[in-house]
Protein backbone atom coordinates (compact mmCIF):
# COMPACT_ATOMS: atom_id res chain seq x y z
CA UNK A 1 0.00 0.00 0.00
CA UNK A 2 1.27 3.49 -0.88
CA UNK A 3 1.48 5.81 2.12
CA UNK A 4 1.00 8.93 0.02
CA UNK A 5 -1.49 10.29 -2.51
CA UNK A 6 -1.21 9.48 -6.18
CA UNK A 7 -1.07 12.59 -8.42
CA UNK A 8 -4.75 12.07 -9.23
CA UNK A 9 -5.76 11.87 -5.58
CA UNK A 10 -3.56 14.82 -4.63
CA UNK A 11 -5.28 16.96 -7.27
CA UNK A 12 -8.73 15.85 -6.10
CA UNK A 13 -7.82 16.56 -2.46
CA UNK A 14 -6.72 20.08 -3.47
CA UNK A 15 -9.99 20.65 -5.37
CA UNK A 16 -11.99 19.51 -2.34
CA UNK A 17 -10.13 21.80 0.01
CA UNK A 18 -10.68 24.79 -2.26
CA UNK A 19 -14.40 24.01 -2.50
CA UNK A 20 -14.78 23.60 1.26
CA UNK A 21 -12.86 26.80 2.00
CA UNK A 22 -15.20 28.71 -0.31
CA UNK A 23 -18.50 27.10 0.72
CA UNK A 24 -18.27 26.53 4.48
CA UNK A 25 -18.96 29.51 6.75
CA UNK A 26 -16.51 30.39 9.48
CA UNK A 27 -17.14 29.59 13.12
CA UNK A 28 -19.02 26.82 14.90
CA UNK A 29 -22.07 27.07 12.66
CA UNK A 30 -22.78 23.35 12.98
CA UNK A 31 -22.78 23.18 16.78
CA UNK A 32 -26.00 21.91 18.35
CA UNK A 33 -28.12 24.24 20.42
CA UNK A 34 -27.70 24.02 24.18
CA UNK A 35 -29.90 21.09 25.26
CA UNK A 36 -31.66 21.01 21.89
CA UNK A 37 -31.54 19.36 18.49
CA UNK A 38 -29.60 20.71 15.49
CA UNK A 39 -30.05 24.47 15.12
CA UNK A 40 -32.58 25.35 12.37
CA UNK A 41 -30.07 27.48 10.47
CA UNK A 42 -27.60 24.58 10.47
CA UNK A 43 -30.27 22.20 9.16
CA UNK A 44 -31.15 24.59 6.32
CA UNK A 45 -27.49 25.04 5.42
CA UNK A 46 -26.98 21.25 5.39
CA UNK A 47 -29.81 20.79 2.90
CA UNK A 48 -28.42 23.46 0.57
CA UNK A 49 -24.90 22.07 0.90
CA UNK A 50 -26.03 18.53 0.06
CA UNK A 51 -27.60 19.90 -3.15
CA UNK A 52 -24.24 21.43 -4.12
CA UNK A 53 -22.51 18.10 -3.53
CA UNK A 54 -25.11 16.38 -5.68
CA UNK A 55 -24.71 18.94 -8.49
CA UNK A 56 -20.97 18.23 -8.59
CA UNK A 57 -21.62 14.49 -8.66
CA UNK A 58 -19.76 14.03 -5.39
CA UNK A 59 -22.68 12.71 -3.36
CA UNK A 60 -22.77 9.49 -5.38
CA UNK A 61 -19.27 9.53 -6.83
CA UNK A 62 -18.66 5.91 -5.82
CA UNK A 63 -21.75 4.55 -7.55
CA UNK A 64 -21.18 2.69 -10.83
CA UNK A 65 -21.78 4.78 -13.94
CA UNK A 66 -24.73 2.63 -14.99
CA UNK A 67 -26.54 3.84 -11.87
CA UNK A 68 -25.72 7.51 -12.41
CA UNK A 69 -22.54 7.66 -10.35
CA UNK A 70 -19.01 8.60 -11.33
CA UNK A 71 -17.52 5.14 -10.83
CA UNK A 72 -14.90 6.60 -8.51
CA UNK A 73 -12.46 4.20 -6.88
CA UNK A 74 -12.70 3.30 -3.20
CA UNK A 75 -9.50 5.26 -2.60
CA UNK A 76 -11.00 8.38 -4.19
CA UNK A 77 -14.11 7.99 -2.04
CA UNK A 78 -11.92 7.69 1.05
CA UNK A 79 -10.08 10.91 0.16
CA UNK A 80 -13.48 12.60 -0.23
CA UNK A 81 -14.76 11.36 3.13
CA UNK A 82 -11.50 12.31 4.82
CA UNK A 83 -11.53 15.92 3.62
CA UNK A 84 -15.25 16.38 4.24
CA UNK A 85 -14.97 15.05 7.79
CA UNK A 86 -11.80 17.03 8.53
CA UNK A 87 -13.62 20.25 7.57
CA UNK A 88 -16.73 19.35 9.56
CA UNK A 89 -18.77 19.55 6.35
CA UNK A 90 -22.37 18.28 6.51
CA UNK A 91 -23.90 15.73 4.21
CA UNK A 92 -20.83 13.65 3.43
CA UNK A 93 -22.26 10.58 5.10
CA UNK A 94 -25.74 9.93 3.72
CA UNK A 95 -27.48 6.73 4.81
CA UNK A 96 -29.34 6.51 1.54
CA UNK A 97 -26.24 6.89 -0.61
CA UNK A 98 -23.90 4.76 1.51
CA UNK A 99 -26.26 2.06 2.82
CA UNK A 100 -29.58 1.81 0.97
CA UNK A 101 -28.16 2.62 -2.46
CA UNK A 102 -25.53 -0.15 -2.57
CA UNK A 103 -28.11 -2.68 -1.30
CA UNK A 104 -30.45 -1.74 -4.15
CA UNK A 105 -27.70 -1.77 -6.77
CA UNK A 106 -26.51 -5.23 -5.69
CA UNK A 107 -29.79 -6.93 -4.82
CA UNK A 108 -32.72 -4.80 -6.03
CA UNK A 109 -34.82 -5.22 -9.14
CA UNK A 110 -34.64 -2.81 -12.07
CA UNK A 111 -37.98 -1.34 -10.98
CA UNK A 112 -36.71 -0.77 -7.42
CA UNK A 113 -33.52 0.84 -8.68
CA UNK A 114 -35.47 3.19 -10.95
CA UNK A 115 -37.82 4.03 -8.08
CA UNK A 116 -35.35 4.99 -5.35
CA UNK A 117 -31.88 5.67 -6.76
CA UNK A 118 -32.65 8.89 -8.71
CA UNK A 119 -33.80 10.76 -5.59
CA UNK A 120 -30.68 9.65 -3.73
CA UNK A 121 -28.47 11.08 -6.48
CA UNK A 122 -29.97 14.56 -6.15
CA UNK A 123 -30.24 14.58 -2.33
CA UNK A 124 -34.02 14.55 -2.61
CA UNK A 125 -34.86 12.18 0.25
CA UNK A 126 -33.58 11.25 3.70
CA UNK A 127 -32.99 7.66 4.80
CA UNK A 128 -32.46 5.83 8.07
CA UNK A 129 -31.49 2.31 9.12
CA UNK A 130 -33.98 0.14 11.04
CA UNK A 131 -31.85 -2.77 12.24
CA UNK A 132 -31.33 -2.77 16.04
CA UNK A 133 -34.05 -3.71 18.52
CA UNK A 134 -34.27 -3.56 22.34
CA UNK A 135 -33.29 -7.25 22.54
CA UNK A 136 -31.26 -7.49 19.33
CA UNK A 137 -28.40 -5.09 18.96
CA UNK A 138 -25.13 -6.87 19.49
CA UNK A 139 -26.82 -10.11 18.40
CA UNK A 140 -28.74 -8.55 15.53
CA UNK A 141 -29.88 -11.89 14.10
CA UNK A 142 -32.09 -12.33 17.19
CA UNK A 143 -34.42 -9.56 16.03
CA UNK A 144 -38.11 -10.18 16.63
CA UNK A 145 -39.90 -7.64 14.41
CA UNK A 146 -42.30 -9.76 12.33
CA UNK A 147 -43.38 -9.31 8.73
CA UNK A 148 -46.32 -11.58 7.86
CA UNK A 149 -47.33 -12.01 4.23
CA UNK A 150 -50.89 -10.90 3.43
CA UNK A 151 -51.54 -11.02 -0.30
CA UNK A 152 -49.37 -8.43 -2.03
CA UNK A 153 -48.34 -6.86 1.27
CA UNK A 154 -46.51 -7.68 4.47
CA UNK A 155 -47.97 -6.71 7.83
CA UNK A 156 -45.14 -5.60 10.11
CA UNK A 157 -45.19 -5.43 13.91
CA UNK A 158 -42.28 -4.74 16.22
CA UNK A 159 -39.94 -2.12 17.61
CA UNK A 160 -36.63 -0.68 16.45
CA UNK A 161 -34.23 1.35 18.58
CA UNK A 162 -31.13 3.54 18.23
CA UNK A 163 -32.32 4.60 14.78
CA UNK A 164 -30.28 7.63 13.70
CA UNK A 165 -32.15 10.43 11.97
CA UNK A 166 -35.55 8.73 11.84
CA UNK A 167 -37.44 11.94 12.65
CA UNK A 168 -36.24 13.50 9.39
CA UNK A 169 -36.25 10.32 7.29
CA UNK A 170 -38.60 9.68 4.37
CA UNK A 171 -37.56 6.03 3.94
CA UNK A 172 -35.75 3.40 5.98
CA UNK A 173 -33.98 0.13 5.30
CA UNK A 174 -35.54 -2.44 7.63
CA UNK A 175 -34.86 -6.01 8.71
CA UNK A 176 -37.83 -8.11 9.78
CA UNK A 177 -38.37 -11.80 10.49
CA UNK A 178 -40.47 -13.51 7.81
CA UNK A 179 -39.97 -17.13 8.94
CA UNK A 180 -40.16 -17.70 12.69
CA UNK A 181 -39.28 -21.39 12.33
CA UNK A 182 -36.06 -20.97 10.34
CA UNK A 183 -32.61 -20.65 11.95
CA UNK A 184 -32.26 -17.06 13.09
CA UNK A 185 -29.93 -15.95 10.27
CA UNK A 186 -32.10 -17.52 7.56
CA UNK A 187 -35.58 -16.23 8.41
CA UNK A 188 -34.90 -12.50 7.98
CA UNK A 189 -35.91 -10.29 5.05
CA UNK A 190 -34.74 -6.86 3.90
CA UNK A 191 -37.34 -4.16 3.22
CA UNK A 192 -37.65 -0.54 2.18
CA UNK A 193 -40.03 1.12 4.64
CA UNK A 194 -41.99 4.30 4.04
CA UNK A 195 -41.42 6.21 7.31
CA UNK A 196 -44.72 8.09 6.80
CA UNK A 197 -46.79 4.91 6.49
CA UNK A 198 -49.73 4.44 8.89
CA UNK A 199 -48.68 2.56 12.03
CA UNK A 200 -45.13 3.97 12.13
CA UNK A 201 -44.53 5.90 15.35
CA UNK A 202 -41.19 7.63 15.99
CA UNK A 203 -40.15 8.65 19.49
CA UNK A 204 -36.93 10.63 20.14
CA UNK A 205 -34.36 9.26 22.58
CA UNK A 206 -32.73 12.13 24.47
CA UNK A 207 -29.03 11.46 25.06
CA UNK A 208 -26.49 12.77 27.59
CA UNK A 209 -26.10 15.96 25.56
CA UNK A 210 -29.81 16.66 25.66
CA UNK A 211 -30.19 16.10 21.91
CA UNK A 212 -32.17 13.39 20.14
CA UNK A 213 -30.32 12.15 17.10
CA UNK A 214 -31.29 8.60 18.13
CA UNK A 215 -34.91 7.46 18.11
CA UNK A 216 -37.02 4.40 18.76
CA UNK A 217 -39.53 3.35 16.11
CA UNK A 218 -42.74 1.43 16.82
CA UNK A 219 -44.36 -0.58 14.03
CA UNK A 220 -48.03 -1.47 14.55
CA UNK A 221 -49.75 -3.33 11.70
CA UNK A 222 -47.70 -1.41 9.16
CA UNK A 223 -48.53 -2.59 5.65
CA UNK A 224 -45.46 -2.84 3.42
CA UNK A 225 -46.04 -3.57 -0.29
CA UNK A 226 -44.40 -6.70 -1.64
CA UNK A 227 -42.38 -4.63 -4.12
CA UNK A 228 -40.54 -3.10 -1.14
CA UNK A 229 -38.89 -6.46 -0.41
CA UNK A 230 -35.26 -6.33 -1.56
CA UNK A 231 -33.77 -9.62 -2.71
CA UNK A 232 -35.25 -12.98 -1.80
CA UNK A 233 -37.57 -13.50 1.14
CA UNK A 234 -35.69 -14.92 4.15
CA UNK A 235 -32.30 -14.00 2.63
CA UNK A 236 -32.11 -10.48 4.05
CA UNK A 237 -29.34 -11.24 6.54
CA UNK A 238 -26.84 -11.65 3.73
CA UNK A 239 -27.79 -8.27 2.27
CA UNK A 240 -27.50 -6.74 5.75
CA UNK A 241 -23.93 -7.97 6.24
CA UNK A 242 -22.90 -6.05 3.12
CA UNK A 243 -24.57 -2.96 4.56
CA UNK A 244 -22.79 -3.38 7.91
CA UNK A 245 -19.37 -3.82 6.30
CA UNK A 246 -19.93 -0.56 4.40
CA UNK A 247 -20.92 1.22 7.63
CA UNK A 248 -17.95 -0.05 9.63
CA UNK A 249 -15.27 0.85 7.09
CA UNK A 250 -15.86 4.62 6.95
CA UNK A 251 -12.90 6.92 7.64
CA UNK A 252 -15.05 9.75 9.00
CA UNK A 253 -14.85 8.62 12.65
CA UNK A 254 -11.05 8.77 12.58
CA UNK A 255 -10.83 12.13 10.83
CA UNK A 256 -13.42 13.65 13.18
CA UNK A 257 -10.98 12.73 15.94
CA UNK A 258 -8.19 14.59 14.17
CA UNK A 259 -10.14 17.84 13.95
CA UNK A 260 -10.86 17.74 17.69
CA UNK A 261 -7.25 16.81 18.44
CA UNK A 262 -5.93 19.69 16.34
CA UNK A 263 -8.25 22.15 18.08
CA UNK A 264 -7.00 20.90 21.45
CA UNK A 265 -3.35 21.17 20.36
CA UNK A 266 -3.89 24.78 19.26
CA UNK A 267 -5.48 25.56 22.62
CA UNK A 268 -2.53 24.05 24.52
CA UNK A 269 -0.04 26.00 22.41
CA UNK A 270 -1.84 29.23 23.29
CA UNK A 271 -1.96 28.39 27.02
CA UNK A 272 1.52 28.60 28.60
CA UNK A 273 0.55 26.70 31.77
CA UNK A 274 -0.59 23.73 29.70
CA UNK A 275 2.22 23.96 27.17
CA UNK A 276 4.81 23.50 29.93
CA UNK A 277 3.29 20.24 31.23
CA UNK A 278 5.18 17.27 29.81
CA UNK A 279 2.34 14.81 30.52
CA UNK A 280 -0.01 16.93 28.39
CA UNK A 281 2.40 16.96 25.45
CA UNK A 282 2.98 13.21 25.74
CA UNK A 283 -0.74 12.38 25.80
CA UNK A 284 -1.46 14.57 22.79
CA UNK A 285 1.45 12.92 20.97
CA UNK A 286 -0.04 9.48 21.70
CA UNK A 287 -3.40 10.53 20.28
CA UNK A 288 -1.66 11.91 17.19
CA UNK A 289 0.13 8.60 16.58
CA UNK A 290 -3.12 6.69 17.08
CA UNK A 291 -4.85 8.94 14.57
CA UNK A 292 -2.23 8.10 11.95
CA UNK A 293 -2.66 4.38 12.65
CA UNK A 294 -6.45 4.65 12.40
CA UNK A 295 -6.20 6.60 9.16
CA UNK A 296 -4.10 3.95 7.45
CA UNK A 297 -6.33 1.15 8.72
CA UNK A 298 -9.17 2.86 6.83
CA UNK A 299 -7.04 3.20 3.71
CA UNK A 300 -6.19 -0.49 3.92
CA UNK A 301 -9.90 -1.30 3.80
CA UNK A 302 -10.33 0.99 0.78
CA UNK A 303 -7.43 -0.65 -1.02
CA UNK A 304 -8.86 -4.13 -0.41
CA UNK A 305 -12.27 -3.02 -1.69
CA UNK A 306 -10.59 -1.62 -4.78
CA UNK A 307 -8.96 -5.01 -5.39
CA UNK A 308 -12.34 -6.74 -5.27
CA UNK A 309 -11.75 -8.27 -1.84
CA UNK A 310 -14.26 -8.32 1.02
CA UNK A 311 -12.59 -6.68 4.05
CA UNK A 312 -14.89 -8.18 6.66
CA UNK A 313 -12.47 -8.57 9.57
CA UNK A 314 -10.41 -5.60 8.37
CA UNK A 315 -13.48 -3.34 8.45
CA UNK A 316 -14.10 -4.48 12.02
CA UNK A 317 -10.48 -3.70 12.96
CA UNK A 318 -10.92 -0.20 11.54
CA UNK A 319 -14.23 0.26 13.34
CA UNK A 320 -12.95 -0.90 16.74
CA UNK A 321 -9.75 1.14 16.55
CA UNK A 322 -11.52 4.26 15.29
CA UNK A 323 -14.31 4.30 17.85
CA UNK A 324 -12.02 3.43 20.75
CA UNK A 325 -9.86 6.34 19.62
CA UNK A 326 -12.90 8.61 19.66
CA UNK A 327 -13.66 7.56 23.22
CA UNK A 328 -10.05 8.06 24.29
CA UNK A 329 -10.02 11.50 22.68
CA UNK A 330 -12.84 12.57 24.99
CA UNK A 331 -10.90 11.34 28.01
CA UNK A 332 -7.77 13.17 26.84
CA UNK A 333 -9.72 16.38 26.31
CA UNK A 334 -11.06 16.35 29.84
CA UNK A 335 -7.66 15.50 31.30
CA UNK A 336 -6.02 18.40 29.46
CA UNK A 337 -8.71 21.00 30.13
CA UNK A 338 -9.68 19.85 33.61
CA UNK A 339 -13.00 21.02 35.09
CA UNK A 340 -13.46 23.83 32.52
CA UNK A 341 -13.64 21.10 29.88
CA UNK A 342 -16.97 19.96 31.33
CA UNK A 343 -18.68 23.31 30.69
CA UNK A 344 -21.41 23.09 28.06
CA UNK A 345 -21.53 25.13 24.84
CA UNK A 346 -23.12 28.52 25.24
CA UNK A 347 -21.08 29.56 28.26
CA UNK A 348 -18.33 32.16 27.79
CA UNK A 349 -16.22 30.11 30.18
CA UNK A 350 -16.27 26.97 28.02
CA UNK A 351 -12.88 26.27 26.38
CA UNK A 352 -13.15 25.56 22.64
CA UNK A 353 -16.84 26.58 22.77
CA UNK A 354 -17.66 23.42 24.75
CA UNK A 355 -16.40 21.13 22.02
CA UNK A 356 -14.61 18.75 24.39
CA UNK A 357 -17.67 18.44 26.64
CA UNK A 358 -19.81 17.49 23.63
CA UNK A 359 -17.19 15.02 22.44
CA UNK A 360 -16.72 13.36 25.83
CA UNK A 361 -20.47 12.79 26.21
CA UNK A 362 -21.01 11.53 22.67
CA UNK A 363 -17.94 9.32 22.25
CA UNK A 364 -19.02 6.30 24.36
CA UNK A 365 -21.97 5.73 22.02
CA UNK A 366 -19.62 5.42 19.03
CA UNK A 367 -18.25 2.14 20.40
CA UNK A 368 -21.81 0.77 20.31
CA UNK A 369 -23.30 2.22 17.12
CA UNK A 370 -22.68 0.14 14.00
CA UNK A 371 -21.79 -2.92 16.06
CA UNK A 372 -20.28 -2.95 19.54
CA UNK A 373 -16.54 -3.26 20.04
CA UNK A 374 -17.14 -6.67 21.62
CA UNK A 375 -19.05 -8.00 18.60
CA UNK A 376 -16.45 -6.63 16.20
CA UNK A 377 -13.65 -8.22 18.23
CA UNK A 378 -15.45 -11.55 17.85
CA UNK A 379 -15.54 -11.00 14.07
CA UNK A 380 -11.83 -10.22 14.09
CA UNK A 381 -11.12 -13.36 16.13
CA UNK A 382 -13.23 -15.80 14.12
CA UNK A 383 -13.14 -14.44 10.56
CA UNK A 384 -9.80 -12.67 10.70
CA UNK A 385 -7.68 -14.91 12.90
CA UNK A 386 -9.54 -18.16 12.38
CA UNK A 387 -10.04 -18.77 16.10
CA UNK A 388 -12.72 -21.27 17.14
CA UNK A 389 -16.05 -20.11 18.49
CA UNK A 390 -16.57 -20.66 22.21
C-alpha cells in the first residue's frame, strides 16, 4: 500500500479543500443548540450544501456509472470522506447513498432501482437504518420484528431502537423476520419502509447531551407492499452484512478525531501553563500517533475493496480502533482542560466553545453504534484470525 497520494488523488484533495474553504462559513455554525436538536439554520445550510454536492456528482461519486454515479475508486471515495470530515462539512455521510443505495444496486430489481436511486443522487430524500431492537443489537440476528405475508403486502409489527435520523427520514432500510421457524440468520428479510406509512410511530431518545439524534420506532400493523422487499424473502441477513461492512469501514470517525485533536493542540499551544506540562504533550502525541494508525487502517480497507476483496475482519479492525480512539479522545480532552472542559456550549467560560464536553459525552456511544466493540472483536477473532467459536 502506498502511504501517500497518487497525483490524481492529490489533485482531487486540493480541489476539495478549495471548495470547502469557499462554501463553508466560518465559526461553529454546525454546533447543536444548548440542550436542543440541530439548530434550524444549520439544518437549512446542510440541505443546501447537500444539493451542491449532488450537483458536482460528489454525493454518489462511488456509484457505478450505470446507476448515475461517477464510478470513482474506493481510494478516491476515502479521500473525499476524509476531507469532508476534517472540515466538519455536513452531508458527506448519507445513509441513503452509503447504505440503501448499494443494497439496491446489488440486490434490487430494475424497478426498485429506478424508483429509489434517482432521488438519492440529487439529495431529494432522507434515509435511516432500522436494524437494532431492544433485545437485538449486538446479536442482531435475534431480532423479533415480524413481517407476515398478506396477499401483495406484508404486515409488520415490532420495535426498532437507536435509529439515527428517523425523525427526518422519508424512507428506511428495515430487517424483519419472515420465517419464525427458520434458523435465526435464515428467516430475515430486507425491506424498504416508508417512514410516513400508517402505524409507524417515531419517538426521540434524548441522550447525555440533551439532543435526540437517536430514536425508537414502533411498528403497529404497518402494511409494506411486496415490491418493497429487496432480494429474496428470508435472505435479508446476507444483504444486511454487506450494509454493515460498508458502515464499519468509513474513515469519518477517525478524521473527526483529528479535527478535535488539532483544536485541542492549538489551545494548549496558546496556554503557557498547559504547554509547559510534559504529561499533556505526551498524551497529545499518543493521540496523534493513534490517529495516523487509524487513518491507514481505513485506507487499507479501501485498497482491499478496490482489489475486489471483502474486508470483513479488516473493516471491524478499523471500526474498533476508530471508535475506541474517539472515546479516548474525549478522556484526553477532559484531562487536558480539567473542570473547565466539562462546561457546556453557550457559556463564555467553556474552552473551545464546549467542544470537548460534547465530544466526551457523545464518544461512548460510538463504540456501540454500527456494532459494539465486543461484537467486532469476535468477528476479528473468528473471521480474521480463524479462532474457534466458544
